[in-house]
Amino acid sequence: MNWIKRLFSKKKTAEQCGIHVVVDSFTCGDRDENGFADLYVNGKETNTRLLLWDKEDVEKLQAIAEKIHDEKRSK
């Protein structure tokens, strides 16, 4: 029955929980061969990896989106 109370209870903010974290900077390490990089917050490793896209990846995705948009517009 406790899990139901927790499910519908109000969410607490970070301040109410006593969490006071100031983020000064986000930085990423070098990309690996798959495009992922480690994320650092305030210079400390977070055990989180981000998928980073370079200019060529974005241009490929834009070309695909434009092609789909043109196909839908022509119908």
N, C-alpha and C. Protein backbone atom coordinates (compact mmCIF):
# COMPACT_ATOMS: atom_id res chain seq x y z
N MET A 1 0.82 -1.19 0.00
CA MET A 1 0.00 0.00 0.00
C MET A 1 0.87 1.26 0.00
N ASN A 2 2.07 1.18 0.56
CA ASN A 2 2.96 2.34 0.58
C ASN A 2 3.36 2.78 -0.81
N TRP A 3 3.53 1.84 -1.73
CA TRP A 3 3.94 2.20 -3.07
C TRP A 3 2.88 3.03 -3.77
N ILE A 4 1.60 2.83 -3.43
CA ILE A 4 0.53 3.64 -4.02
C ILE A 4 0.63 5.08 -3.51
N LYS A 5 0.90 5.23 -2.20
CA LYS A 5 1.05 6.57 -1.63
C LYS A 5 2.22 7.29 -2.29
N ARG A 6 3.33 6.57 -2.48
CA ARG A 6 4.50 7.18 -3.11
C ARG A 6 4.24 7.54 -4.56
N LEU A 7 3.43 6.72 -5.23
CA LEU A 7 3.13 6.95 -6.64
C LEU A 7 2.37 8.25 -6.84
N PHE A 8 1.42 8.53 -5.93
CA PHE A 8 0.57 9.70 -6.09
C PHE A 8 0.94 10.87 -5.17
N SER A 9 2.02 10.75 -4.43
CA SER A 9 2.42 11.85 -3.55
C SER A 9 3.04 12.97 -4.37
N LYS A 10 3.07 14.15 -3.78
CA LYS A 10 3.68 15.30 -4.46
C LYS A 10 5.17 15.10 -4.56
N LYS A 11 5.74 15.52 -5.66
CA LYS A 11 7.18 15.43 -5.85
C LYS A 11 7.85 16.56 -5.08
N LYS A 12 8.96 16.26 -4.47
CA LYS A 12 9.70 17.26 -3.72
C LYS A 12 10.75 17.90 -4.63
N THR A 13 11.01 19.16 -4.40
CA THR A 13 12.06 19.83 -5.15
C THR A 13 13.41 19.48 -4.54
N ALA A 14 14.46 19.79 -5.25
CA ALA A 14 15.81 19.51 -4.75
C ALA A 14 16.07 20.25 -3.45
N GLU A 15 15.58 21.50 -3.34
CA GLU A 15 15.79 22.27 -2.12
C GLU A 15 15.10 21.63 -0.93
N GLN A 16 13.89 21.11 -1.13
CA GLN A 16 13.16 20.47 -0.04
C GLN A 16 13.87 19.21 0.44
N CYS A 17 14.60 18.57 -0.45
CA CYS A 17 15.33 17.35 -0.09
C CYS A 17 16.71 17.66 0.47
N GLY A 18 17.07 18.92 0.53
CA GLY A 18 18.38 19.29 1.06
C GLY A 18 19.50 19.14 0.06
N ILE A 19 19.17 19.12 -1.21
CA ILE A 19 20.18 18.99 -2.25
C ILE A 19 20.49 20.38 -2.80
N HIS A 20 21.72 20.79 -2.67
CA HIS A 20 22.13 22.09 -3.17
C HIS A 20 23.36 21.89 -4.04
N VAL A 21 23.13 21.78 -5.33
CA VAL A 21 24.22 21.55 -6.27
C VAL A 21 24.26 22.72 -7.24
N VAL A 22 25.41 23.30 -7.38
CA VAL A 22 25.60 24.38 -8.34
C VAL A 22 26.43 23.81 -9.49
N VAL A 23 25.90 23.91 -10.69
CA VAL A 23 26.62 23.43 -11.86
C VAL A 23 27.26 24.62 -12.54
N ASP A 24 28.57 24.64 -12.54
CA ASP A 24 29.30 25.72 -13.17
C ASP A 24 29.63 25.40 -14.62
N SER A 25 29.86 24.12 -14.92
CA SER A 25 30.25 23.79 -16.29
C SER A 25 29.92 22.34 -16.62
N PHE A 26 29.57 22.14 -17.88
CA PHE A 26 29.43 20.81 -18.48
C PHE A 26 30.53 20.71 -19.52
N THR A 27 31.29 19.65 -19.49
CA THR A 27 32.30 19.43 -20.53
C THR A 27 32.23 17.99 -20.99
N CYS A 28 32.66 17.77 -22.20
CA CYS A 28 32.67 16.42 -22.77
C CYS A 28 34.09 16.03 -23.11
N GLY A 29 34.36 14.74 -22.96
CA GLY A 29 35.66 14.21 -23.36
C GLY A 29 35.71 14.02 -24.86
N ASP A 30 36.70 13.33 -25.34
CA ASP A 30 36.86 13.07 -26.77
C ASP A 30 35.84 12.04 -27.24
N ARG A 31 35.37 12.19 -28.47
CA ARG A 31 34.44 11.23 -29.06
C ARG A 31 35.17 9.94 -29.37
N ASP A 32 34.47 8.81 -29.16
CA ASP A 32 35.03 7.53 -29.57
C ASP A 32 34.59 7.23 -31.00
N GLU A 33 34.88 6.03 -31.51
CA GLU A 33 34.56 5.70 -32.90
C GLU A 33 33.06 5.64 -33.16
N ASN A 34 32.25 5.49 -32.11
CA ASN A 34 30.79 5.45 -32.26
C ASN A 34 30.13 6.81 -32.05
N GLY A 35 30.91 7.83 -31.72
CA GLY A 35 30.37 9.17 -31.54
C GLY A 35 30.00 9.53 -30.11
N PHE A 36 30.31 8.66 -29.15
CA PHE A 36 29.98 8.92 -27.75
C PHE A 36 31.15 9.56 -27.03
N ALA A 37 30.83 10.39 -26.02
CA ALA A 37 31.86 11.04 -25.22
C ALA A 37 31.42 11.06 -23.76
N ASP A 38 32.38 11.03 -22.84
CA ASP A 38 32.09 11.10 -21.41
C ASP A 38 31.67 12.51 -21.04
N LEU A 39 30.73 12.63 -20.09
CA LEU A 39 30.25 13.92 -19.61
C LEU A 39 30.89 14.22 -18.26
N TYR A 40 31.39 15.43 -18.11
CA TYR A 40 31.97 15.90 -16.85
C TYR A 40 31.18 17.11 -16.37
N VAL A 41 30.80 17.12 -15.10
CA VAL A 41 30.10 18.25 -14.50
C VAL A 41 31.01 18.84 -13.44
N ASN A 42 31.28 20.12 -13.58
CA ASN A 42 32.21 20.82 -12.68
C ASN A 42 33.56 20.11 -12.61
N GLY A 43 33.97 19.52 -13.72
CA GLY A 43 35.27 18.86 -13.80
C GLY A 43 35.31 17.45 -13.25
N LYS A 44 34.18 16.92 -12.76
CA LYS A 44 34.14 15.57 -12.20
C LYS A 44 33.40 14.64 -13.15
N GLU A 45 33.91 13.42 -13.27
CA GLU A 45 33.28 12.43 -14.15
C GLU A 45 31.91 12.05 -13.60
N THR A 46 30.94 11.88 -14.49
CA THR A 46 29.57 11.59 -14.07
C THR A 46 29.12 10.17 -14.40
N ASN A 47 29.96 9.38 -15.05
CA ASN A 47 29.58 8.03 -15.48
C ASN A 47 28.41 8.09 -16.48
N THR A 48 28.34 9.19 -17.23
CA THR A 48 27.31 9.38 -18.25
C THR A 48 28.01 9.61 -19.58
N ARG A 49 27.45 9.01 -20.63
CA ARG A 49 28.01 9.20 -21.96
C ARG A 49 26.96 9.84 -22.84
N LEU A 50 27.40 10.80 -23.65
CA LEU A 50 26.52 11.51 -24.56
C LEU A 50 26.87 11.15 -26.00
N LEU A 51 25.85 11.08 -26.84
CA LEU A 51 26.07 10.89 -28.27
C LEU A 51 26.22 12.27 -28.88
N LEU A 52 27.39 12.55 -29.45
CA LEU A 52 27.66 13.84 -30.06
C LEU A 52 27.65 13.71 -31.57
N TRP A 53 27.00 14.67 -32.22
CA TRP A 53 26.95 14.67 -33.68
C TRP A 53 27.88 15.74 -34.20
N ASP A 54 28.58 15.42 -35.28
CA ASP A 54 29.41 16.43 -35.92
C ASP A 54 28.62 17.05 -37.08
N LYS A 55 29.22 17.99 -37.78
CA LYS A 55 28.54 18.72 -38.84
C LYS A 55 28.03 17.79 -39.94
N GLU A 56 28.83 16.80 -40.30
CA GLU A 56 28.43 15.88 -41.37
C GLU A 56 27.20 15.06 -40.97
N ASP A 57 27.15 14.62 -39.70
CA ASP A 57 25.99 13.86 -39.22
C ASP A 57 24.72 14.70 -39.29
N VAL A 58 24.82 15.94 -38.88
CA VAL A 58 23.66 16.84 -38.90
C VAL A 58 23.21 17.10 -40.33
N GLU A 59 24.14 17.29 -41.23
CA GLU A 59 23.78 17.53 -42.64
C GLU A 59 23.10 16.31 -43.24
N LYS A 60 23.56 15.10 -42.90
CA LYS A 60 22.92 13.88 -43.39
C LYS A 60 21.48 13.79 -42.88
N LEU A 61 21.28 14.09 -41.59
CA LEU A 61 19.93 14.02 -41.02
C LEU A 61 19.02 15.08 -41.65
N GLN A 62 19.55 16.28 -41.89
CA GLN A 62 18.74 17.32 -42.53
C GLN A 62 18.34 16.92 -43.94
N ALA A 63 19.25 16.28 -44.68
CA ALA A 63 18.94 15.84 -46.04
C ALA A 63 17.84 14.78 -46.02
N ILE A 64 17.90 13.87 -45.07
CA ILE A 64 16.87 12.84 -44.95
C ILE A 64 15.53 13.48 -44.60
N ALA A 65 15.54 14.43 -43.68
CA ALA A 65 14.30 15.10 -43.28
C ALA A 65 13.70 15.88 -44.44
N GLU A 66 14.53 16.55 -45.22
CA GLU A 66 14.04 17.30 -46.37
C GLU A 66 13.43 16.36 -47.41
N LYS A 67 14.06 15.21 -47.62
CA LYS A 67 13.55 14.23 -48.58
C LYS A 67 12.17 13.73 -48.15
N ILE A 68 12.03 13.41 -46.86
CA ILE A 68 10.74 12.94 -46.34
C ILE A 68 9.70 14.04 -46.46
N HIS A 69 10.08 15.27 -46.15
CA HIS A 69 9.16 16.40 -46.22
C HIS A 69 8.70 16.62 -47.66
N ASP A 70 9.63 16.54 -48.61
CA ASP A 70 9.28 16.72 -50.02
C ASP A 70 8.35 15.61 -50.51
N GLU A 71 8.59 14.38 -50.07
CA GLU A 71 7.73 13.26 -50.48
C GLU A 71 6.31 13.45 -49.94
N LYS A 72 6.19 13.91 -48.71
CA LYS A 72 4.86 14.11 -48.12
C LYS A 72 4.14 15.28 -48.79
N ARG A 73 4.91 16.32 -49.16
CA ARG A 73 4.31 17.50 -49.78
C ARG A 73 3.80 17.18 -51.19
N SER A 74 4.47 16.25 -51.88
CA SER A 74 4.09 15.93 -53.27
C SER A 74 2.86 15.04 -53.35
N LYS A 75 2.43 14.47 -52.24
CA LYS A 75 1.25 13.58 -52.27
C LYS A 75 -0.02 14.35 -52.30
